[in-house]
């Protein structure tokens, strides 16, 4: 079954049209986000379809997809919890935060939890050392998170009451956020694809 439905192909074409002729490959990252919003990750088929839309090789698309940790090449839960474990965060207790999150989420959480709700990810750097330890949920940042606080956050999300990030509003689940990150041309068409449960990704 194609990743890019006719509706998503139209969205993809609008995204590609933002770039000058001959520079269409600049759309690789937003198209990867668009594929991710449909699948909950980017599958091999998604990589091939992005390549086909741009007239380039699958290897060229995969080179971009494997460089950015925001692009998931394996199925992810509805909520991706990323814990920064770079130096500043480790010095402020990030390893304890990660360990407690792992304990709270249970076996298999570094792939997808049994209920399909969560994926736990150890991030090399989230770029906010002054806010260490930093945790992101679906790209929303939470500053100075303690081990107890990360468990409270997970419990709140399970209840359908995601905590307010340190800045802005909670943006939605992982698919919805991927649709937003694909750019305004993607969100104008609505979020029908993004609203499907990410836990059902193949």
N, C-alpha and C. Protein backbone atom coordinates (compact mmCIF):
# COMPACT_ATOMS: atom_id res chain seq x y z
N UNK A 1 0.85 -1.19 0.00
CA UNK A 1 0.00 0.00 0.00
C UNK A 1 0.89 1.25 0.00
N UNK A 2 0.63 2.19 -0.91
CA UNK A 2 1.48 3.39 -0.96
C UNK A 2 1.43 4.21 0.32
N UNK A 3 2.55 4.80 0.67
CA UNK A 3 2.61 5.71 1.81
C UNK A 3 1.93 7.02 1.44
N UNK A 4 2.24 7.53 0.25
CA UNK A 4 1.69 8.79 -0.20
C UNK A 4 0.37 8.55 -0.94
N UNK A 5 -0.72 8.79 -0.25
CA UNK A 5 -2.05 8.73 -0.84
C UNK A 5 -2.19 9.86 -1.85
N UNK A 6 -3.23 9.85 -2.68
CA UNK A 6 -3.42 10.97 -3.61
C UNK A 6 -3.43 12.32 -2.90
N UNK A 7 -4.04 12.39 -1.72
CA UNK A 7 -4.06 13.65 -0.96
C UNK A 7 -2.65 14.07 -0.56
N UNK A 8 -1.84 13.09 -0.11
CA UNK A 8 -0.48 13.42 0.30
C UNK A 8 0.41 13.76 -0.89
N UNK A 9 0.14 13.15 -2.04
CA UNK A 9 0.91 13.51 -3.24
C UNK A 9 0.67 14.97 -3.58
N UNK A 10 -0.57 15.43 -3.46
CA UNK A 10 -0.87 16.84 -3.71
C UNK A 10 -0.13 17.75 -2.74
N UNK A 11 -0.11 17.34 -1.47
CA UNK A 11 0.62 18.11 -0.46
C UNK A 11 2.11 18.13 -0.80
N UNK A 12 2.65 16.96 -1.16
CA UNK A 12 4.07 16.86 -1.51
C UNK A 12 4.42 17.76 -2.68
N UNK A 13 3.54 17.81 -3.66
CA UNK A 13 3.81 18.66 -4.83
C UNK A 13 3.85 20.13 -4.44
N UNK A 14 3.00 20.54 -3.51
CA UNK A 14 3.04 21.93 -3.03
C UNK A 14 4.34 22.21 -2.29
N UNK A 15 4.80 21.23 -1.52
CA UNK A 15 6.06 21.40 -0.79
C UNK A 15 7.22 21.56 -1.77
N UNK A 16 7.27 20.67 -2.77
CA UNK A 16 8.36 20.72 -3.75
C UNK A 16 8.34 22.04 -4.52
N UNK A 17 7.16 22.55 -4.78
CA UNK A 17 7.02 23.79 -5.57
C UNK A 17 7.58 25.01 -4.85
N UNK A 18 7.85 24.89 -3.56
CA UNK A 18 8.44 26.03 -2.82
C UNK A 18 9.88 26.29 -3.25
N UNK A 19 10.53 25.29 -3.84
CA UNK A 19 11.95 25.38 -4.13
C UNK A 19 12.19 25.70 -5.60
N UNK A 20 13.28 26.42 -5.91
CA UNK A 20 13.56 26.78 -7.30
C UNK A 20 13.78 25.55 -8.18
N UNK A 21 13.51 25.69 -9.44
CA UNK A 21 13.72 24.59 -10.39
C UNK A 21 15.19 24.18 -10.35
N UNK A 22 15.42 22.90 -10.28
CA UNK A 22 16.78 22.38 -10.17
C UNK A 22 17.24 22.21 -8.74
N UNK A 23 16.44 22.73 -7.78
CA UNK A 23 16.79 22.61 -6.36
C UNK A 23 15.74 21.81 -5.59
N UNK A 24 14.99 21.00 -6.31
CA UNK A 24 13.88 20.27 -5.69
C UNK A 24 14.34 19.34 -4.57
N UNK A 25 15.59 18.85 -4.64
CA UNK A 25 16.06 17.93 -3.60
C UNK A 25 16.09 18.60 -2.23
N UNK A 26 16.00 19.93 -2.19
CA UNK A 26 15.93 20.63 -0.91
C UNK A 26 14.67 20.25 -0.13
N UNK A 27 13.71 19.64 -0.81
CA UNK A 27 12.46 19.23 -0.16
C UNK A 27 12.57 17.87 0.53
N UNK A 28 13.73 17.26 0.53
CA UNK A 28 13.86 15.91 1.11
C UNK A 28 13.36 15.88 2.55
N UNK A 29 13.84 16.78 3.39
CA UNK A 29 13.48 16.71 4.81
C UNK A 29 11.99 16.94 5.06
N UNK A 30 11.38 18.00 4.48
CA UNK A 30 9.93 18.13 4.70
C UNK A 30 9.13 16.96 4.15
N UNK A 31 9.58 16.35 3.05
CA UNK A 31 8.86 15.18 2.53
C UNK A 31 9.03 13.97 3.45
N UNK A 32 10.18 13.85 4.08
CA UNK A 32 10.37 12.78 5.06
C UNK A 32 9.44 12.98 6.26
N UNK A 33 9.30 14.21 6.70
CA UNK A 33 8.35 14.48 7.78
C UNK A 33 6.93 14.14 7.35
N UNK A 34 6.61 14.45 6.11
CA UNK A 34 5.27 14.15 5.61
C UNK A 34 5.02 12.65 5.60
N UNK A 35 6.00 11.88 5.14
CA UNK A 35 5.89 10.42 5.16
C UNK A 35 5.75 9.91 6.60
N UNK A 36 6.50 10.51 7.50
CA UNK A 36 6.47 10.12 8.91
C UNK A 36 5.10 10.40 9.52
N UNK A 37 4.45 11.47 9.09
CA UNK A 37 3.13 11.79 9.60
C UNK A 37 2.10 10.75 9.17
N UNK A 38 2.35 10.09 8.05
CA UNK A 38 1.43 9.08 7.55
C UNK A 38 1.66 7.73 8.20
N UNK A 39 2.92 7.40 8.49
CA UNK A 39 3.25 6.05 8.95
C UNK A 39 3.60 5.95 10.43
N UNK A 40 3.97 7.07 11.02
CA UNK A 40 4.51 7.03 12.38
C UNK A 40 6.00 6.76 12.39
N UNK A 41 6.56 6.55 11.22
CA UNK A 41 7.99 6.41 11.00
C UNK A 41 8.19 6.49 9.49
N UNK A 42 9.41 6.35 9.01
CA UNK A 42 9.63 6.35 7.56
C UNK A 42 10.13 4.96 7.18
N UNK A 43 9.28 4.25 6.46
CA UNK A 43 9.60 2.88 6.04
C UNK A 43 10.47 2.89 4.79
N UNK A 44 10.90 1.72 4.38
CA UNK A 44 11.66 1.62 3.12
C UNK A 44 10.80 2.12 1.96
N UNK A 45 9.52 1.78 1.98
CA UNK A 45 8.63 2.24 0.91
C UNK A 45 8.53 3.76 0.94
N UNK A 46 8.47 4.34 2.15
CA UNK A 46 8.43 5.80 2.26
C UNK A 46 9.67 6.45 1.67
N UNK A 47 10.83 5.86 1.92
CA UNK A 47 12.07 6.38 1.34
C UNK A 47 12.02 6.32 -0.18
N UNK A 48 11.53 5.20 -0.70
CA UNK A 48 11.46 5.04 -2.16
C UNK A 48 10.50 6.05 -2.79
N UNK A 49 9.38 6.28 -2.11
CA UNK A 49 8.39 7.20 -2.67
C UNK A 49 8.88 8.64 -2.63
N UNK A 50 9.58 9.02 -1.58
CA UNK A 50 10.17 10.37 -1.53
C UNK A 50 11.16 10.53 -2.68
N UNK A 51 11.99 9.50 -2.88
CA UNK A 51 12.96 9.55 -3.98
C UNK A 51 12.26 9.70 -5.32
N UNK A 52 11.16 8.95 -5.51
CA UNK A 52 10.43 9.03 -6.76
C UNK A 52 9.82 10.40 -6.99
N UNK A 53 9.32 11.02 -5.94
CA UNK A 53 8.73 12.36 -6.07
C UNK A 53 9.77 13.39 -6.49
N UNK A 54 11.03 13.16 -6.08
CA UNK A 54 12.09 14.13 -6.35
C UNK A 54 12.97 13.74 -7.54
N UNK A 55 12.78 12.55 -8.06
CA UNK A 55 13.60 12.12 -9.18
C UNK A 55 15.05 11.86 -8.81
N UNK A 56 15.27 11.37 -7.58
CA UNK A 56 16.61 11.05 -7.12
C UNK A 56 16.63 9.60 -6.62
N UNK A 57 17.79 9.13 -6.18
CA UNK A 57 17.87 7.74 -5.74
C UNK A 57 17.41 7.60 -4.29
N UNK A 58 16.97 6.38 -3.97
CA UNK A 58 16.58 6.08 -2.59
C UNK A 58 17.77 6.27 -1.64
N UNK A 59 18.97 5.94 -2.11
CA UNK A 59 20.17 6.10 -1.28
C UNK A 59 20.39 7.55 -0.89
N UNK A 60 20.10 8.48 -1.80
CA UNK A 60 20.26 9.91 -1.49
C UNK A 60 19.27 10.34 -0.40
N UNK A 61 18.06 9.82 -0.47
CA UNK A 61 17.05 10.15 0.55
C UNK A 61 17.44 9.51 1.88
N UNK A 62 17.89 8.27 1.83
CA UNK A 62 18.26 7.57 3.06
C UNK A 62 19.45 8.25 3.75
N UNK A 63 20.36 8.81 2.98
CA UNK A 63 21.51 9.52 3.57
C UNK A 63 21.05 10.67 4.44
N UNK A 64 19.98 11.36 4.03
CA UNK A 64 19.42 12.44 4.84
C UNK A 64 18.67 11.87 6.04
N UNK A 65 17.86 10.85 5.79
CA UNK A 65 17.02 10.28 6.85
C UNK A 65 17.86 9.70 7.99
N UNK A 66 19.01 9.11 7.67
CA UNK A 66 19.84 8.51 8.72
C UNK A 66 20.69 9.54 9.45
N UNK A 67 20.80 10.75 8.90
CA UNK A 67 21.60 11.80 9.55
C UNK A 67 20.82 12.46 10.68
N UNK A 68 19.52 12.62 10.50
CA UNK A 68 18.69 13.36 11.47
C UNK A 68 17.96 12.40 12.39
N UNK A 69 18.17 12.55 13.69
CA UNK A 69 17.51 11.66 14.65
C UNK A 69 16.01 11.93 14.77
N UNK A 70 15.54 13.05 14.25
CA UNK A 70 14.10 13.35 14.29
C UNK A 70 13.33 12.44 13.34
N UNK A 71 14.03 11.87 12.38
CA UNK A 71 13.38 10.96 11.43
C UNK A 71 13.55 9.54 11.95
N UNK A 72 12.44 8.89 12.21
CA UNK A 72 12.47 7.52 12.75
C UNK A 72 12.35 6.53 11.60
N UNK A 73 13.29 5.62 11.50
CA UNK A 73 13.26 4.60 10.45
C UNK A 73 12.65 3.30 10.94
N UNK A 74 12.31 3.25 12.22
CA UNK A 74 11.58 2.11 12.77
C UNK A 74 10.30 2.63 13.39
N UNK A 75 9.27 1.80 13.53
CA UNK A 75 8.00 2.26 14.11
C UNK A 75 8.21 2.92 15.47
N UNK A 76 7.43 3.97 15.72
CA UNK A 76 7.51 4.71 16.97
C UNK A 76 6.13 4.77 17.61
N UNK A 77 6.11 5.00 18.91
CA UNK A 77 4.85 5.15 19.61
C UNK A 77 4.20 6.49 19.30
N UNK A 78 3.02 6.70 19.86
CA UNK A 78 2.31 7.96 19.66
C UNK A 78 3.08 9.13 20.25
N UNK A 79 3.91 8.84 21.25
CA UNK A 79 4.68 9.89 21.90
C UNK A 79 6.14 9.44 22.01
N UNK A 80 7.03 10.22 21.43
CA UNK A 80 8.46 9.93 21.48
C UNK A 80 9.08 10.78 22.59
N UNK A 81 9.59 10.11 23.62
CA UNK A 81 10.21 10.79 24.76
C UNK A 81 11.72 10.76 24.56
N UNK A 82 12.31 11.92 24.34
CA UNK A 82 13.75 12.02 24.08
C UNK A 82 14.44 12.63 25.29
N UNK A 83 15.42 11.92 25.83
CA UNK A 83 16.18 12.41 26.98
C UNK A 83 17.59 12.74 26.52
N UNK A 84 18.00 13.99 26.69
CA UNK A 84 19.35 14.39 26.31
C UNK A 84 20.35 13.83 27.31
N UNK A 85 21.40 13.18 26.79
CA UNK A 85 22.44 12.63 27.67
C UNK A 85 23.81 13.15 27.28
N UNK A 86 23.85 14.37 26.72
CA UNK A 86 25.13 15.00 26.47
C UNK A 86 25.71 15.51 27.78
N UNK A 87 26.92 16.05 27.73
CA UNK A 87 27.69 16.35 28.94
C UNK A 87 26.93 17.20 29.95
N UNK A 88 26.39 18.34 29.52
CA UNK A 88 25.72 19.23 30.47
C UNK A 88 24.55 18.53 31.16
N UNK A 89 23.78 17.77 30.40
CA UNK A 89 22.63 17.08 30.97
C UNK A 89 23.06 15.94 31.89
N UNK A 90 24.11 15.21 31.50
CA UNK A 90 24.61 14.12 32.36
C UNK A 90 25.11 14.68 33.69
N UNK A 91 25.80 15.78 33.64
CA UNK A 91 26.30 16.39 34.88
C UNK A 91 25.17 16.83 35.80
N UNK A 92 23.99 17.08 35.22
CA UNK A 92 22.83 17.50 36.02
C UNK A 92 21.86 16.35 36.30
N UNK A 93 22.27 15.12 35.99
CA UNK A 93 21.46 13.97 36.38
C UNK A 93 20.62 13.31 35.30
N UNK A 94 20.97 13.52 34.03
CA UNK A 94 20.16 12.98 32.94
C UNK A 94 20.13 11.45 32.92
N UNK A 95 21.22 10.81 33.35
CA UNK A 95 21.23 9.35 33.33
C UNK A 95 20.16 8.80 34.27
N UNK A 96 19.97 9.47 35.41
CA UNK A 96 18.91 9.07 36.33
C UNK A 96 17.53 9.30 35.75
N UNK A 97 17.38 10.39 35.00
CA UNK A 97 16.11 10.69 34.34
C UNK A 97 15.79 9.59 33.32
N UNK A 98 16.78 9.23 32.53
CA UNK A 98 16.57 8.20 31.50
C UNK A 98 16.23 6.85 32.15
N UNK A 99 16.95 6.52 33.22
CA UNK A 99 16.71 5.24 33.89
C UNK A 99 15.30 5.16 34.46
N UNK A 100 14.82 6.25 35.05
CA UNK A 100 13.47 6.26 35.62
C UNK A 100 12.42 6.20 34.52
N UNK A 101 12.67 6.89 33.41
CA UNK A 101 11.73 6.84 32.28
C UNK A 101 11.64 5.41 31.75
N UNK A 102 12.78 4.78 31.63
CA UNK A 102 12.83 3.40 31.13
C UNK A 102 12.09 2.45 32.06
N UNK A 103 12.26 2.66 33.34
CA UNK A 103 11.57 1.85 34.34
C UNK A 103 10.05 2.07 34.26
N UNK A 104 9.64 3.33 34.12
CA UNK A 104 8.22 3.66 34.08
C UNK A 104 7.53 3.15 32.82
N UNK A 105 8.26 3.13 31.72
CA UNK A 105 7.67 2.72 30.45
C UNK A 105 7.68 1.21 30.24
N UNK A 106 8.62 0.52 30.86
CA UNK A 106 8.62 -0.92 30.80
C UNK A 106 9.39 -1.51 29.63
N UNK A 107 9.36 -2.85 29.52
CA UNK A 107 10.13 -3.55 28.49
C UNK A 107 9.78 -3.08 27.07
N UNK A 108 10.81 -3.01 26.25
CA UNK A 108 10.60 -2.67 24.85
C UNK A 108 10.40 -1.20 24.57
N UNK A 109 10.54 -0.36 25.59
CA UNK A 109 10.20 1.06 25.42
C UNK A 109 11.15 1.78 24.46
N UNK A 110 12.33 1.24 24.23
CA UNK A 110 13.24 1.90 23.31
C UNK A 110 12.85 1.63 21.85
N UNK A 111 11.89 0.75 21.65
CA UNK A 111 11.26 0.57 20.34
C UNK A 111 9.85 1.15 20.45
N UNK A 112 8.89 0.34 20.85
CA UNK A 112 7.52 0.81 21.09
C UNK A 112 6.97 0.03 22.28
N UNK A 113 6.35 0.73 23.23
CA UNK A 113 5.75 0.06 24.37
C UNK A 113 4.59 -0.82 23.91
N UNK A 114 4.21 -1.78 24.75
CA UNK A 114 3.18 -2.75 24.37
C UNK A 114 1.86 -2.09 23.99
N UNK A 115 1.54 -0.98 24.63
CA UNK A 115 0.28 -0.29 24.33
C UNK A 115 0.38 0.63 23.12
N UNK A 116 1.57 0.71 22.51
CA UNK A 116 1.76 1.53 21.32
C UNK A 116 1.88 3.02 21.61
N UNK A 117 1.94 3.38 22.88
CA UNK A 117 1.89 4.81 23.21
C UNK A 117 3.23 5.50 23.21
N UNK A 118 4.31 4.81 23.57
CA UNK A 118 5.57 5.49 23.81
C UNK A 118 6.75 4.85 23.11
N UNK A 119 7.72 5.69 22.78
CA UNK A 119 9.07 5.28 22.40
C UNK A 119 10.02 6.14 23.21
N UNK A 120 10.98 5.51 23.87
CA UNK A 120 12.00 6.24 24.64
C UNK A 120 13.26 6.33 23.80
N UNK A 121 13.81 7.54 23.72
CA UNK A 121 14.98 7.76 22.86
C UNK A 121 16.05 8.52 23.64
N UNK A 122 17.27 8.00 23.61
CA UNK A 122 18.41 8.69 24.21
C UNK A 122 19.02 9.60 23.15
N UNK A 123 18.95 10.90 23.38
CA UNK A 123 19.39 11.89 22.39
C UNK A 123 20.78 12.39 22.72
N UNK A 124 21.62 12.50 21.71
CA UNK A 124 22.99 12.98 21.91
C UNK A 124 23.02 14.42 22.40
N UNK A 125 22.22 15.29 21.82
CA UNK A 125 22.16 16.69 22.27
C UNK A 125 20.87 17.32 21.78
N UNK A 126 20.18 18.02 22.66
CA UNK A 126 18.96 18.73 22.30
C UNK A 126 19.16 20.24 22.27
N UNK A 127 20.40 20.68 22.47
CA UNK A 127 20.75 22.07 22.21
C UNK A 127 20.21 23.09 23.20
N UNK A 128 20.04 22.70 24.45
CA UNK A 128 19.58 23.66 25.46
C UNK A 128 20.28 23.35 26.78
N UNK A 129 21.60 23.50 26.77
CA UNK A 129 22.42 23.10 27.91
C UNK A 129 22.07 23.88 29.19
N UNK A 130 21.60 25.12 29.02
CA UNK A 130 21.24 25.91 30.20
C UNK A 130 20.00 25.36 30.89
N UNK A 131 19.26 24.49 30.21
CA UNK A 131 18.01 23.94 30.77
C UNK A 131 18.18 22.48 31.20
N UNK A 132 19.41 22.03 31.33
CA UNK A 132 19.68 20.63 31.67
C UNK A 132 19.12 20.26 33.06
N UNK A 133 18.69 18.99 33.16
CA UNK A 133 18.50 17.97 32.14
C UNK A 133 17.26 18.27 31.28
N UNK A 134 17.40 18.12 29.99
CA UNK A 134 16.33 18.45 29.06
C UNK A 134 15.66 17.18 28.53
N UNK A 135 14.34 17.21 28.50
CA UNK A 135 13.55 16.12 27.93
C UNK A 135 12.62 16.73 26.89
N UNK A 136 12.48 16.05 25.77
CA UNK A 136 11.50 16.46 24.76
C UNK A 136 10.47 15.34 24.60
N UNK A 137 9.22 15.75 24.42
CA UNK A 137 8.16 14.82 24.06
C UNK A 137 7.56 15.33 22.76
N UNK A 138 7.74 14.57 21.69
CA UNK A 138 7.24 14.99 20.37
C UNK A 138 7.73 16.39 20.01
N UNK A 139 9.00 16.67 20.29
CA UNK A 139 9.67 17.94 19.98
C UNK A 139 9.32 19.08 20.93
N UNK A 140 8.44 18.87 21.90
CA UNK A 140 8.14 19.89 22.91
C UNK A 140 9.15 19.74 24.05
N UNK A 141 9.77 20.84 24.47
CA UNK A 141 10.87 20.79 25.44
C UNK A 141 10.40 21.01 26.88
N UNK A 142 11.01 20.25 27.78
CA UNK A 142 10.77 20.37 29.21
C UNK A 142 12.12 20.57 29.90
N UNK A 143 12.25 21.66 30.61
CA UNK A 143 13.53 22.05 31.20
C UNK A 143 13.71 21.49 32.61
N UNK A 144 14.97 21.20 32.94
CA UNK A 144 15.39 20.81 34.28
C UNK A 144 14.51 19.70 34.86
N UNK A 145 14.38 18.65 34.10
CA UNK A 145 13.51 17.53 34.48
C UNK A 145 14.24 16.62 35.47
N UNK A 146 13.59 16.29 36.54
CA UNK A 146 14.13 15.35 37.53
C UNK A 146 13.60 13.95 37.24
N UNK A 147 14.18 12.92 37.86
CA UNK A 147 13.64 11.56 37.68
C UNK A 147 12.17 11.46 38.07
N UNK A 148 11.79 12.06 39.19
CA UNK A 148 10.39 12.01 39.60
C UNK A 148 9.50 12.74 38.59
N UNK A 149 9.99 13.88 38.09
CA UNK A 149 9.20 14.67 37.15
C UNK A 149 8.95 13.92 35.85
N UNK A 150 9.93 13.17 35.36
CA UNK A 150 9.73 12.46 34.09
C UNK A 150 8.65 11.39 34.24
N UNK A 151 8.58 10.76 35.41
CA UNK A 151 7.53 9.77 35.66
C UNK A 151 6.17 10.46 35.70
N UNK A 152 6.10 11.63 36.35
CA UNK A 152 4.84 12.39 36.39
C UNK A 152 4.40 12.77 34.98
N UNK A 153 5.34 13.15 34.13
CA UNK A 153 5.03 13.51 32.75
C UNK A 153 4.45 12.33 31.99
N UNK A 154 5.08 11.19 32.13
CA UNK A 154 4.62 9.98 31.44
C UNK A 154 3.22 9.60 31.91
N UNK A 155 3.00 9.65 33.23
CA UNK A 155 1.67 9.32 33.77
C UNK A 155 0.61 10.29 33.25
N UNK A 156 0.95 11.57 33.17
CA UNK A 156 0.00 12.57 32.69
C UNK A 156 -0.37 12.32 31.22
N UNK A 157 0.62 11.97 30.42
CA UNK A 157 0.35 11.69 29.00
C UNK A 157 -0.53 10.45 28.88
N UNK A 158 -0.28 9.45 29.69
CA UNK A 158 -1.13 8.25 29.68
C UNK A 158 -2.59 8.59 30.00
N UNK A 159 -2.79 9.57 30.87
CA UNK A 159 -4.15 9.99 31.24
C UNK A 159 -4.78 10.90 30.18
N UNK A 160 -4.01 11.23 29.14
CA UNK A 160 -4.53 12.15 28.14
C UNK A 160 -4.43 13.60 28.56
N UNK A 161 -3.53 13.88 29.52
CA UNK A 161 -3.34 15.23 30.03
C UNK A 161 -1.87 15.64 29.92
N UNK A 162 -1.35 15.76 28.69
CA UNK A 162 0.08 16.07 28.53
C UNK A 162 0.44 17.37 29.22
N UNK A 163 1.56 17.39 29.95
CA UNK A 163 1.96 18.60 30.66
C UNK A 163 2.35 19.72 29.71
N UNK A 164 2.14 20.94 30.16
CA UNK A 164 2.51 22.10 29.34
C UNK A 164 4.03 22.18 29.23
N UNK A 165 4.56 22.31 28.02
CA UNK A 165 6.01 22.42 27.85
C UNK A 165 6.57 23.69 28.49
N UNK A 166 7.87 23.78 28.58
CA UNK A 166 8.51 24.98 29.15
C UNK A 166 8.23 26.21 28.30
N UNK A 167 8.02 26.01 27.00
CA UNK A 167 7.65 27.10 26.10
C UNK A 167 6.53 26.63 25.19
N UNK A 168 5.52 27.44 24.99
CA UNK A 168 4.46 27.14 24.05
C UNK A 168 3.47 26.09 24.54
N UNK A 169 2.73 25.54 23.59
CA UNK A 169 1.71 24.55 23.87
C UNK A 169 2.19 23.16 23.47
N UNK A 170 1.58 22.14 24.05
CA UNK A 170 1.88 20.78 23.64
C UNK A 170 1.36 20.58 22.22
N UNK A 171 2.22 20.16 21.27
CA UNK A 171 1.84 20.20 19.85
C UNK A 171 1.03 19.02 19.34
N UNK A 172 0.82 18.01 20.16
CA UNK A 172 0.10 16.82 19.69
C UNK A 172 1.00 15.61 19.66
N UNK A 173 0.49 14.52 19.10
CA UNK A 173 1.28 13.29 19.10
C UNK A 173 2.35 13.34 18.01
N UNK A 174 3.12 12.27 17.92
CA UNK A 174 4.30 12.26 17.05
C UNK A 174 3.93 12.46 15.58
N UNK A 175 2.84 11.86 15.14
CA UNK A 175 2.42 12.04 13.75
C UNK A 175 1.98 13.47 13.48
N UNK A 176 1.23 14.03 14.40
CA UNK A 176 0.77 15.41 14.23
C UNK A 176 1.95 16.37 14.16
N UNK A 177 2.93 16.16 15.02
CA UNK A 177 4.11 17.02 15.03
C UNK A 177 4.89 16.87 13.72
N UNK A 178 4.99 15.65 13.22
CA UNK A 178 5.67 15.44 11.94
C UNK A 178 4.98 16.20 10.82
N UNK A 179 3.66 16.22 10.86
CA UNK A 179 2.90 16.97 9.84
C UNK A 179 3.20 18.46 9.96
N UNK A 180 3.26 18.97 11.17
CA UNK A 180 3.58 20.39 11.38
C UNK A 180 4.98 20.70 10.85
N UNK A 181 5.94 19.81 11.14
CA UNK A 181 7.32 20.05 10.74
C UNK A 181 7.51 19.93 9.22
N UNK A 182 6.57 19.30 8.55
CA UNK A 182 6.65 19.26 7.08
C UNK A 182 6.41 20.63 6.47
N UNK A 183 5.85 21.56 7.24
CA UNK A 183 5.71 22.93 6.77
C UNK A 183 4.28 23.34 6.54
N UNK A 184 4.06 24.63 6.31
CA UNK A 184 2.69 25.15 6.16
C UNK A 184 1.93 24.54 5.00
N UNK A 185 2.62 24.14 3.94
CA UNK A 185 1.94 23.53 2.81
C UNK A 185 1.35 22.18 3.20
N UNK A 186 1.91 21.54 4.22
CA UNK A 186 1.39 20.26 4.68
C UNK A 186 0.19 20.45 5.61
N UNK A 187 0.25 21.44 6.48
CA UNK A 187 -0.82 21.63 7.46
C UNK A 187 -2.05 22.28 6.85
N UNK A 188 -1.90 23.02 5.77
CA UNK A 188 -3.05 23.65 5.11
C UNK A 188 -4.07 22.62 4.65
N UNK A 189 -3.58 21.44 4.29
CA UNK A 189 -4.47 20.41 3.75
C UNK A 189 -5.18 19.64 4.86
N UNK A 190 -4.94 20.01 6.12
CA UNK A 190 -5.54 19.28 7.22
C UNK A 190 -4.63 18.19 7.71
N UNK A 191 -5.00 17.53 8.82
CA UNK A 191 -4.13 16.54 9.43
C UNK A 191 -4.79 15.17 9.48
N UNK A 192 -5.56 14.82 8.45
CA UNK A 192 -6.25 13.53 8.45
C UNK A 192 -5.28 12.38 8.64
N UNK A 193 -4.18 12.40 7.88
CA UNK A 193 -3.20 11.32 8.00
C UNK A 193 -2.55 11.33 9.36
N UNK A 194 -2.25 12.53 9.87
CA UNK A 194 -1.50 12.64 11.12
C UNK A 194 -2.31 12.20 12.31
N UNK A 195 -3.65 12.17 12.20
CA UNK A 195 -4.47 11.86 13.35
C UNK A 195 -4.65 10.37 13.55
N UNK A 196 -4.18 9.55 12.63
CA UNK A 196 -4.27 8.11 12.81
C UNK A 196 -3.31 7.66 13.89
N UNK A 197 -3.71 6.66 14.71
CA UNK A 197 -2.85 6.23 15.82
C UNK A 197 -1.50 5.74 15.35
N UNK A 198 -0.44 6.33 15.91
CA UNK A 198 0.91 5.93 15.50
C UNK A 198 1.23 4.53 15.93
N UNK A 199 0.58 4.04 16.97
CA UNK A 199 0.87 2.70 17.45
C UNK A 199 0.51 1.61 16.46
N UNK A 200 -0.27 1.96 15.42
CA UNK A 200 -0.66 0.95 14.45
C UNK A 200 0.27 0.87 13.27
N UNK A 201 1.38 1.63 13.31
CA UNK A 201 2.33 1.59 12.21
C UNK A 201 2.88 0.18 12.04
N UNK A 202 3.11 -0.19 10.79
CA UNK A 202 3.65 -1.53 10.55
C UNK A 202 5.11 -1.60 10.97
